[in-house]
Protein backbone atom coordinates (compact mmCIF):
# COMPACT_ATOMS: atom_id res chain seq x y z
CA MET A 1 3.72 -11.43 -9.16
CA ALA A 2 1.86 -8.63 -7.37
CA VAL A 3 -1.61 -7.63 -8.41
CA VAL A 4 -2.36 -3.93 -8.09
CA ASP A 5 -5.95 -2.68 -8.06
CA ARG A 6 -5.77 0.45 -10.20
CA ASN A 7 -9.41 1.31 -9.42
CA THR A 8 -8.88 2.21 -5.77
CA ILE A 9 -9.85 5.76 -4.88
CA VAL A 10 -7.81 7.66 -2.29
CA ILE A 11 -9.47 10.50 -0.36
CA ARG A 12 -7.62 12.79 2.05
CA GLY A 13 -8.75 15.40 4.55
CA ALA A 14 -7.46 17.75 7.21
CA GLY A 15 -9.45 16.71 10.27
CA ALA A 16 -12.24 14.53 11.62
CA ALA A 17 -13.67 13.13 14.85
CA VAL A 18 -14.49 9.71 16.26
CA ARG A 19 -17.65 9.48 18.33
CA LEU A 20 -19.10 6.93 20.71
CA GLY A 21 -22.77 7.88 20.56
CA TYR A 22 -22.80 11.65 21.08
CA GLN A 23 -19.54 11.59 23.08
CA LEU A 24 -16.23 12.58 21.51
CA ALA A 25 -13.83 9.62 21.57
CA ALA A 26 -11.02 11.17 19.50
CA THR A 27 -10.05 14.26 17.57
CA LEU A 28 -8.16 13.46 14.39
CA GLY A 29 -5.76 15.45 12.24
CA ALA A 30 -4.83 14.61 8.65
CA TRP A 31 -6.63 11.49 7.45
CA ARG A 32 -6.72 9.18 4.43
CA VAL A 33 -9.22 6.67 3.03
CA GLU A 34 -8.02 4.05 0.58
CA GLY A 35 -10.65 1.50 -0.33
CA GLU A 36 -12.28 0.54 2.95
CA ARG A 37 -9.19 1.36 5.06
CA PHE A 38 -9.07 4.58 7.08
CA SER A 39 -5.95 6.06 8.69
CA ALA A 40 -5.39 9.31 10.56
CA ALA A 41 -3.13 11.20 12.92
CA VAL A 42 -4.57 11.26 16.44
CA VAL A 43 -4.63 14.74 17.98
CA SER A 44 -6.32 13.61 21.21
CA ALA A 45 -8.21 10.53 22.32
CA ASP A 46 -10.11 9.11 25.27
CA ALA A 47 -8.45 5.69 25.70
CA PHE A 48 -11.53 4.10 27.29
CA ARG A 49 -14.04 5.34 24.73
CA MET A 50 -11.79 4.21 21.87
CA THR A 51 -12.11 0.60 23.13
CA GLN A 52 -15.92 0.71 23.05
CA SER A 53 -18.34 0.21 20.17
CA PRO A 54 -19.96 1.30 18.00
CA LEU A 55 -17.44 3.98 17.01
CA VAL A 56 -18.46 6.43 14.30
CA LEU A 57 -16.17 8.52 12.11
CA GLU A 58 -17.54 12.03 11.62
CA ILE A 59 -16.16 14.29 8.89
CA THR A 60 -17.41 17.88 8.87
CA ASN A 61 -18.33 19.22 5.44
CA ARG A 62 -16.76 22.51 4.32
CA ASP A 63 -20.18 24.02 3.55
CA GLY A 64 -21.39 23.38 7.11
CA GLY A 65 -23.97 20.84 5.97
CA THR A 66 -24.65 17.46 7.51
CA PRO A 67 -21.38 15.74 8.40
CA THR A 68 -20.39 12.51 6.67
CA ARG A 69 -20.61 9.55 9.08
CA ARG A 70 -19.27 6.01 8.72
CA GLY A 71 -18.84 3.19 11.19
CA LEU A 72 -15.35 2.15 12.29
CA VAL A 73 -14.34 -1.43 13.13
CA GLU A 74 -11.00 -3.12 13.74
CA VAL A 75 -9.72 0.14 15.27
CA ILE A 76 -6.04 0.29 16.23
CA VAL A 77 -4.36 3.32 17.79
CA TYR A 78 -0.59 3.05 17.90
CA GLN A 79 2.08 5.74 18.25
CA GLY A 80 -0.29 8.58 17.47
CA GLN A 81 -1.85 6.93 14.40
CA LEU A 82 -5.31 5.43 14.04
CA SER A 83 -6.13 2.74 11.50
CA ALA A 84 -9.52 1.11 11.00
CA ARG A 85 -11.91 -0.41 8.50
CA LEU A 86 -14.89 1.68 7.37
CA ILE A 87 -18.39 0.22 7.36
CA LYS A 88 -21.83 1.58 6.44
CA LEU A 89 -24.07 2.70 9.29
């Protein structure tokens, strides 16, 4: 018997960035957050920077305000897709 959590929120967006400090580690296309899991299409990435830590997800707000930032751990980039677990900064 499978248990399904019906209280999971799914959020989607059109683009984001991954940063290592102030440096750009990756530019992301369409992304999705489900629970604490993050996945996205990788538009471009610096392979070395993506292996470093701490990596920070940065999502620009439509109104131009302060971007949303969350830490990324357990990052995997495979065949143009990124998957990771989100953590609080």
